Amino acid sequence: MSGVSVANDLTFGTVLGGVPKKIDKATPGSAAEFLVTGIAGSDVTIEFTLPTYMNDGTYNMQMIFDNTDCAMDSSASPDQTSPDYDDLDPWDVISYTIGSGGIAIWLGGKVVPKLLQDSGNYTADIVITVTFIAR
């Protein structure tokens, strides 16, 4: 069976006004983690639709995703701190091959709060589209 699941949301925790906060893709429990399952050896393309702001219903907070904020590992034992395929640009379409353990994908990012940013529970959707390529 093929599919995509979310193992962990991108979580920034407490953010202070005027102080940007970056979450590295290699940070377990804070970086976003997606799992792709399918037949080993199958090719896929992976595309993100990334937000530029988080919102709490009233106020926005800027989000930035750099061109090295994504990593992937398709080994039998994926390692977030030392992935097979590192420093990927999440703004580009990425082609990859499913391994025996599927594909683990990690995504980091940064928030840039205003100096007098209103407090709140800010959220945004990160959309991942995985297209399975027929052989």
Foldseek 3Di string as FASTA:
>chain_A
DWDKDKPADQAQPDDAAQDKGKDALLDPRHWTKMFIDDDFFWKKKKAKDDDQWWDQPPDTWGKFFDQFFKAKAQELDAHSNDHPGGRHGNHDIDMDTHHPNGMMMTGMIMIGHHNCRDDHDTDDDMDMDMGTDDD
